[in-house]
């Protein structure tokens, strides 16, 4: 699967350990290196890929390979 780059704002998830990125078109549950340090209200751009069919309690999974 090809990597894509998405931008948006980090928002509060259903649980304290959720890292949710709200883009103009959807919400992504971010996983991967460095995502634990992202905070609510932060504008962020990430590169990675969607894990289609994979969901966790935080939402649709997006596996981050780079944070810009």
PDB file of N, CA and C in Angstrom:
ATOM      1  N   UNK A   1       0.841  -1.176   0.000  1.00  0.00           N
ATOM      2  CA  UNK A   1       0.000   0.000   0.000  1.00  0.00           C
ATOM      3  C   UNK A   1       0.892   1.247   0.000  1.00  0.00           C
ATOM      4  N   UNK A   2       0.574   2.191  -0.836  1.00  0.00           N
ATOM      5  CA  UNK A   2       1.370   3.418  -0.954  1.00  0.00           C
ATOM      6  C   UNK A   2       1.094   4.360   0.208  1.00  0.00           C
ATOM      7  N   UNK A   3       2.139   5.029   0.655  1.00  0.00           N
ATOM      8  CA  UNK A   3       1.997   6.020   1.721  1.00  0.00           C
ATOM      9  C   UNK A   3       1.301   7.264   1.189  1.00  0.00           C
ATOM     10  N   UNK A   4       0.556   7.921   2.071  1.00  0.00           N
ATOM     11  CA  UNK A   4      -0.075   9.199   1.768  1.00  0.00           C
ATOM     12  C   UNK A   4       0.283  10.173   2.885  1.00  0.00           C
ATOM     13  N   UNK A   5       0.119  11.449   2.624  1.00  0.00           N
ATOM     14  CA  UNK A   5       0.361  12.483   3.618  1.00  0.00           C
ATOM     15  C   UNK A   5      -0.955  13.186   3.904  1.00  0.00           C
ATOM     16  N   UNK A   6      -1.282  13.321   5.194  1.00  0.00           N
ATOM     17  CA  UNK A   6      -2.512  13.991   5.614  1.00  0.00           C
ATOM     18  C   UNK A   6      -2.185  15.026   6.680  1.00  0.00           C
ATOM     19  N   UNK A   7      -3.008  16.070   6.733  1.00  0.00           N
ATOM     20  CA  UNK A   7      -2.821  17.148   7.709  1.00  0.00           C
ATOM     21  C   UNK A   7      -4.130  17.412   8.426  1.00  0.00           C
ATOM     22  N   UNK A   8      -4.003  17.860   9.659  1.00  0.00           N
ATOM     23  CA  UNK A   8      -5.187  18.201  10.429  1.00  0.00           C
ATOM     24  C   UNK A   8      -4.815  18.615  11.835  1.00  0.00           C
ATOM     25  N   UNK A   9      -5.820  18.538  12.716  1.00  0.00           N
ATOM     26  CA  UNK A   9      -5.630  18.921  14.109  1.00  0.00           C
ATOM     27  C   UNK A   9      -5.887  17.718  15.002  1.00  0.00           C
ATOM     28  N   UNK A  10      -5.033  17.563  15.985  1.00  0.00           N
ATOM     29  CA  UNK A  10      -5.218  16.503  16.961  1.00  0.00           C
ATOM     30  C   UNK A  10      -6.405  16.863  17.855  1.00  0.00           C
ATOM     31  N   UNK A  11      -7.289  15.883  18.075  1.00  0.00           N
ATOM     32  CA  UNK A  11      -8.459  16.096  18.917  1.00  0.00           C
ATOM     33  C   UNK A  11      -8.517  15.021  19.992  1.00  0.00           C
ATOM     34  N   UNK A  12      -9.322  15.267  21.004  1.00  0.00           N
ATOM     35  CA  UNK A  12      -9.485  14.319  22.098  1.00  0.00           C
ATOM     36  C   UNK A  12     -10.188  13.066  21.599  1.00  0.00           C
ATOM     37  N   UNK A  13      -9.654  11.913  21.977  1.00  0.00           N
ATOM     38  CA  UNK A  13     -10.272  10.641  21.618  1.00  0.00           C
ATOM     39  C   UNK A  13     -11.168  10.139  22.731  1.00  0.00           C
ATOM     40  N   UNK A  14     -11.790   8.994  22.499  1.00  0.00           N
ATOM     41  CA  UNK A  14     -12.677   8.413  23.496  1.00  0.00           C
ATOM     42  C   UNK A  14     -11.932   7.972  24.749  1.00  0.00           C
ATOM     43  N   UNK A  15     -10.666   7.628  24.585  1.00  0.00           N
ATOM     44  CA  UNK A  15      -9.842   7.184  25.707  1.00  0.00           C
ATOM     45  C   UNK A  15      -8.593   8.041  25.768  1.00  0.00           C
ATOM     46  N   UNK A  16      -7.964   8.075  26.932  1.00  0.00           N
ATOM     47  CA  UNK A  16      -6.779   8.914  27.131  1.00  0.00           C
ATOM     48  C   UNK A  16      -5.622   8.518  26.216  1.00  0.00           C
ATOM     49  N   UNK A  17      -5.549   7.246  25.829  1.00  0.00           N
ATOM     50  CA  UNK A  17      -4.440   6.788  24.983  1.00  0.00           C
ATOM     51  C   UNK A  17      -4.731   6.911  23.492  1.00  0.00           C
ATOM     52  N   UNK A  18      -5.882   7.455  23.116  1.00  0.00           N
ATOM     53  CA  UNK A  18      -6.217   7.654  21.699  1.00  0.00           C
ATOM     54  C   UNK A  18      -5.469   8.867  21.163  1.00  0.00           C
ATOM     55  N   UNK A  19      -4.916   8.724  19.975  1.00  0.00           N
ATOM     56  CA  UNK A  19      -4.290   9.827  19.257  1.00  0.00           C
ATOM     57  C   UNK A  19      -5.085  10.009  17.967  1.00  0.00           C
ATOM     58  N   UNK A  20      -6.006  10.975  17.960  1.00  0.00           N
ATOM     59  CA  UNK A  20      -6.951  11.135  16.860  1.00  0.00           C
ATOM     60  C   UNK A  20      -6.634  12.398  16.080  1.00  0.00           C
ATOM     61  N   UNK A  21      -6.458  12.238  14.772  1.00  0.00           N
ATOM     62  CA  UNK A  21      -6.206  13.351  13.858  1.00  0.00           C
ATOM     63  C   UNK A  21      -7.482  13.638  13.075  1.00  0.00           C
ATOM     64  N   UNK A  22      -8.016  14.858  13.216  1.00  0.00           N
ATOM     65  CA  UNK A  22      -9.187  15.298  12.459  1.00  0.00           C
ATOM     66  C   UNK A  22      -8.706  16.035  11.225  1.00  0.00           C
ATOM     67  N   UNK A  23      -8.963  15.466  10.035  1.00  0.00           N
ATOM     68  CA  UNK A  23      -8.624  16.128   8.779  1.00  0.00           C
ATOM     69  C   UNK A  23      -9.891  16.772   8.232  1.00  0.00           C
ATOM     70  N   UNK A  24      -9.806  17.373   7.072  1.00  0.00           N
ATOM     71  CA  UNK A  24     -10.985  18.005   6.481  1.00  0.00           C
ATOM     72  C   UNK A  24     -12.039  16.987   6.061  1.00  0.00           C
ATOM     73  N   UNK A  25     -11.636  15.718   5.922  1.00  0.00           N
ATOM     74  CA  UNK A  25     -12.592  14.726   5.435  1.00  0.00           C
ATOM     75  C   UNK A  25     -12.869  13.558   6.376  1.00  0.00           C
ATOM     76  N   UNK A  26     -12.009  13.346   7.391  1.00  0.00           N
ATOM     77  CA  UNK A  26     -12.242  12.202   8.278  1.00  0.00           C
ATOM     78  C   UNK A  26     -11.377  12.286   9.516  1.00  0.00           C
ATOM     79  N   UNK A  27     -11.606  11.314  10.404  1.00  0.00           N
ATOM     80  CA  UNK A  27     -10.797  11.177  11.616  1.00  0.00           C
ATOM     81  C   UNK A  27      -9.964   9.913  11.499  1.00  0.00           C
ATOM     82  N   UNK A  28      -8.697  10.038  11.898  1.00  0.00           N
ATOM     83  CA  UNK A  28      -7.780   8.903  11.881  1.00  0.00           C
ATOM     84  C   UNK A  28      -7.274   8.628  13.295  1.00  0.00           C
ATOM     85  N   UNK A  29      -7.198   7.367  13.667  1.00  0.00           N
ATOM     86  CA  UNK A  29      -6.562   6.950  14.913  1.00  0.00           C
ATOM     87  C   UNK A  29      -5.107   6.652  14.579  1.00  0.00           C
ATOM     88  N   UNK A  30      -4.214   7.522  15.020  1.00  0.00           N
ATOM     89  CA  UNK A  30      -2.801   7.397  14.656  1.00  0.00           C
ATOM     90  C   UNK A  30      -2.072   6.390  15.538  1.00  0.00           C
ATOM     91  N   UNK A  31      -1.244   5.571  14.889  1.00  0.00           N
ATOM     92  CA  UNK A  31      -0.344   4.671  15.598  1.00  0.00           C
ATOM     93  C   UNK A  31       1.020   4.782  14.930  1.00  0.00           C
ATOM     94  N   UNK A  32       2.049   4.373  15.635  1.00  0.00           N
ATOM     95  CA  UNK A  32       3.384   4.386  15.059  1.00  0.00           C
ATOM     96  C   UNK A  32       4.323   5.256  15.867  1.00  0.00           C
ATOM     97  N   UNK A  33       5.592   5.293  15.452  1.00  0.00           N
ATOM     98  CA  UNK A  33       6.624   6.020  16.181  1.00  0.00           C
ATOM     99  C   UNK A  33       6.310   7.506  16.317  1.00  0.00           C
ATOM    100  N   UNK A  34       6.443   8.018  17.538  1.00  0.00           N
ATOM    101  CA  UNK A  34       6.266   9.435  17.787  1.00  0.00           C
ATOM    102  C   UNK A  34       4.843   9.887  18.041  1.00  0.00           C
ATOM    103  N   UNK A  35       3.866   9.045  17.780  1.00  0.00           N
ATOM    104  CA  UNK A  35       2.473   9.478  17.926  1.00  0.00           C
ATOM    105  C   UNK A  35       2.076   9.680  19.386  1.00  0.00           C
ATOM    106  N   UNK A  36       2.738   9.021  20.315  1.00  0.00           N
ATOM    107  CA  UNK A  36       2.423   9.196  21.737  1.00  0.00           C
ATOM    108  C   UNK A  36       2.686  10.619  22.211  1.00  0.00           C
ATOM    109  N   UNK A  37       3.517  11.350  21.508  1.00  0.00           N
ATOM    110  CA  UNK A  37       3.876  12.703  21.925  1.00  0.00           C
ATOM    111  C   UNK A  37       2.976  13.779  21.331  1.00  0.00           C
ATOM    112  N   UNK A  38       2.048  13.397  20.449  1.00  0.00           N
ATOM    113  CA  UNK A  38       1.124  14.366  19.855  1.00  0.00           C
ATOM    114  C   UNK A  38       0.042  14.718  20.869  1.00  0.00           C
ATOM    115  N   UNK A  39      -0.349  15.986  20.904  1.00  0.00           N
ATOM    116  CA  UNK A  39      -1.302  16.482  21.900  1.00  0.00           C
ATOM    117  C   UNK A  39      -2.508  17.153  21.252  1.00  0.00           C
ATOM    118  N   UNK A  40      -3.639  17.127  21.972  1.00  0.00           N
ATOM    119  CA  UNK A  40      -4.863  17.777  21.510  1.00  0.00           C
ATOM    120  C   UNK A  40      -4.606  19.231  21.162  1.00  0.00           C
ATOM    121  N   UNK A  41      -5.195  19.689  20.047  1.00  0.00           N
ATOM    122  CA  UNK A  41      -5.065  21.070  19.612  1.00  0.00           C
ATOM    123  C   UNK A  41      -3.856  21.328  18.733  1.00  0.00           C
ATOM    124  N   UNK A  42      -2.991  20.344  18.591  1.00  0.00           N
ATOM    125  CA  UNK A  42      -1.774  20.505  17.791  1.00  0.00           C
ATOM    126  C   UNK A  42      -2.089  20.304  16.312  1.00  0.00           C
ATOM    127  N   UNK A  43      -1.636  21.232  15.462  1.00  0.00           N
ATOM    128  CA  UNK A  43      -1.731  21.043  14.013  1.00  0.00           C
ATOM    129  C   UNK A  43      -0.586  20.131  13.605  1.00  0.00           C
ATOM    130  N   UNK A  44      -0.892  19.121  12.798  1.00  0.00           N
ATOM    131  CA  UNK A  44       0.140  18.140  12.455  1.00  0.00           C
ATOM    132  C   UNK A  44      -0.058  17.621  11.038  1.00  0.00           C
ATOM    133  N   UNK A  45       1.059  17.277  10.406  1.00  0.00           N
ATOM    134  CA  UNK A  45       1.064  16.610   9.106  1.00  0.00           C
ATOM    135  C   UNK A  45       1.826  15.305   9.283  1.00  0.00           C
ATOM    136  N   UNK A  46       1.224  14.210   8.831  1.00  0.00           N
ATOM    137  CA  UNK A  46       1.846  12.895   8.963  1.00  0.00           C
ATOM    138  C   UNK A  46       1.831  12.167   7.634  1.00  0.00           C
ATOM    139  N   UNK A  47       2.781  11.288   7.463  1.00  0.00           N
ATOM    140  CA  UNK A  47       2.832  10.404   6.302  1.00  0.00           C
ATOM    141  C   UNK A  47       2.734   8.971   6.806  1.00  0.00           C
ATOM    142  N   UNK A  48       2.012   8.163   6.061  1.00  0.00           N
ATOM    143  CA  UNK A  48       1.842   6.766   6.431  1.00  0.00           C
ATOM    144  C   UNK A  48       0.776   6.129   5.574  1.00  0.00           C
ATOM    145  N   UNK A  49       0.119   5.099   6.130  1.00  0.00           N
ATOM    146  CA  UNK A  49      -0.920   4.424   5.351  1.00  0.00           C
ATOM    147  C   UNK A  49      -2.061   3.970   6.252  1.00  0.00           C
ATOM    148  N   UNK A  50      -3.236   3.881   5.654  1.00  0.00           N
ATOM    149  CA  UNK A  50      -4.420   3.396   6.359  1.00  0.00           C
ATOM    150  C   UNK A  50      -4.360   1.879   6.440  1.00  0.00           C
ATOM    151  N   UNK A  51      -4.750   1.363   7.570  1.00  0.00           N
ATOM    152  CA  UNK A  51      -4.905  -0.082   7.733  1.00  0.00           C
ATOM    153  C   UNK A  51      -6.369  -0.376   7.454  1.00  0.00           C
ATOM    154  N   UNK A  52      -6.696  -0.576   6.189  1.00  0.00           N
ATOM    155  CA  UNK A  52      -8.084  -0.793   5.802  1.00  0.00           C
ATOM    156  C   UNK A  52      -8.634  -2.028   6.496  1.00  0.00           C
ATOM    157  N   UNK A  53      -9.822  -1.892   7.029  1.00  0.00           N
ATOM    158  CA  UNK A  53     -10.458  -2.993   7.743  1.00  0.00           C
ATOM    159  C   UNK A  53     -10.025  -3.087   9.190  1.00  0.00           C
ATOM    160  N   UNK A  54      -8.985  -2.371   9.580  1.00  0.00           N
ATOM    161  CA  UNK A  54      -8.515  -2.406  10.962  1.00  0.00           C
ATOM    162  C   UNK A  54      -9.104  -1.228  11.718  1.00  0.00           C
ATOM    163  N   UNK A  55      -9.754  -1.526  12.809  1.00  0.00           N
ATOM    164  CA  UNK A  55     -10.272  -0.470  13.676  1.00  0.00           C
ATOM    165  C   UNK A  55      -9.848  -0.785  15.089  1.00  0.00           C
ATOM    166  N   UNK A  56      -9.681   0.265  15.850  1.00  0.00           N
ATOM    167  CA  UNK A  56      -9.478   0.091  17.270  1.00  0.00           C
ATOM    168  C   UNK A  56     -10.502   0.983  17.960  1.00  0.00           C
ATOM    169  N   UNK A  57     -10.571   0.986  19.279  1.00  0.00           N
ATOM    170  CA  UNK A  57     -11.592   1.798  19.948  1.00  0.00           C
ATOM    171  C   UNK A  57     -11.484   3.288  19.632  1.00  0.00           C
ATOM    172  N   UNK A  58     -10.339   3.723  19.104  1.00  0.00           N
ATOM    173  CA  UNK A  58     -10.132   5.141  18.802  1.00  0.00           C
ATOM    174  C   UNK A  58     -10.613   5.518  17.403  1.00  0.00           C
ATOM    175  N   UNK A  59     -10.834   4.555  16.504  1.00  0.00           N
ATOM    176  CA  UNK A  59     -11.296   4.846  15.156  1.00  0.00           C
ATOM    177  C   UNK A  59     -10.509   4.114  14.089  1.00  0.00           C
ATOM    178  N   UNK A  60     -10.618   4.594  12.843  1.00  0.00           N
ATOM    179  CA  UNK A  60      -9.912   4.006  11.702  1.00  0.00           C
ATOM    180  C   UNK A  60      -8.412   4.197  11.868  1.00  0.00           C
ATOM    181  N   UNK A  61      -7.665   3.112  11.746  1.00  0.00           N
ATOM    182  CA  UNK A  61      -6.233   3.133  12.021  1.00  0.00           C
ATOM    183  C   UNK A  61      -5.437   3.711  10.852  1.00  0.00           C
ATOM    184  N   UNK A  62      -4.519   4.616  11.180  1.00  0.00           N
ATOM    185  CA  UNK A  62      -3.550   5.176  10.229  1.00  0.00           C
ATOM    186  C   UNK A  62      -2.170   4.955  10.835  1.00  0.00           C
ATOM    187  N   UNK A  63      -1.340   4.157  10.152  1.00  0.00           N
ATOM    188  CA  UNK A  63      -0.002   3.828  10.642  1.00  0.00           C
ATOM    189  C   UNK A  63       0.970   4.892  10.139  1.00  0.00           C
ATOM    190  N   UNK A  64       1.527   5.648  11.071  1.00  0.00           N
ATOM    191  CA  UNK A  64       2.405   6.771  10.754  1.00  0.00           C
ATOM    192  C   UNK A  64       3.829   6.287  10.548  1.00  0.00           C
ATOM    193  N   UNK A  65       4.426   6.716   9.437  1.00  0.00           N
ATOM    194  CA  UNK A  65       5.843   6.440   9.199  1.00  0.00           C
ATOM    195  C   UNK A  65       6.701   7.682   9.412  1.00  0.00           C
ATOM    196  N   UNK A  66       6.090   8.892   9.329  1.00  0.00           N
ATOM    197  CA  UNK A  66       6.825  10.138   9.561  1.00  0.00           C
ATOM    198  C   UNK A  66       5.870  11.230  10.041  1.00  0.00           C
ATOM    199  N   UNK A  67       6.352  12.047  10.972  1.00  0.00           N
ATOM    200  CA  UNK A  67       5.630  13.220  11.443  1.00  0.00           C
ATOM    201  C   UNK A  67       6.404  14.434  10.962  1.00  0.00           C
ATOM    202  N   UNK A  68       5.718  15.361  10.298  1.00  0.00           N
ATOM    203  CA  UNK A  68       6.381  16.531   9.709  1.00  0.00           C
ATOM    204  C   UNK A  68       6.171  17.766  10.560  1.00  0.00           C
TER     205      UNK A  68
END
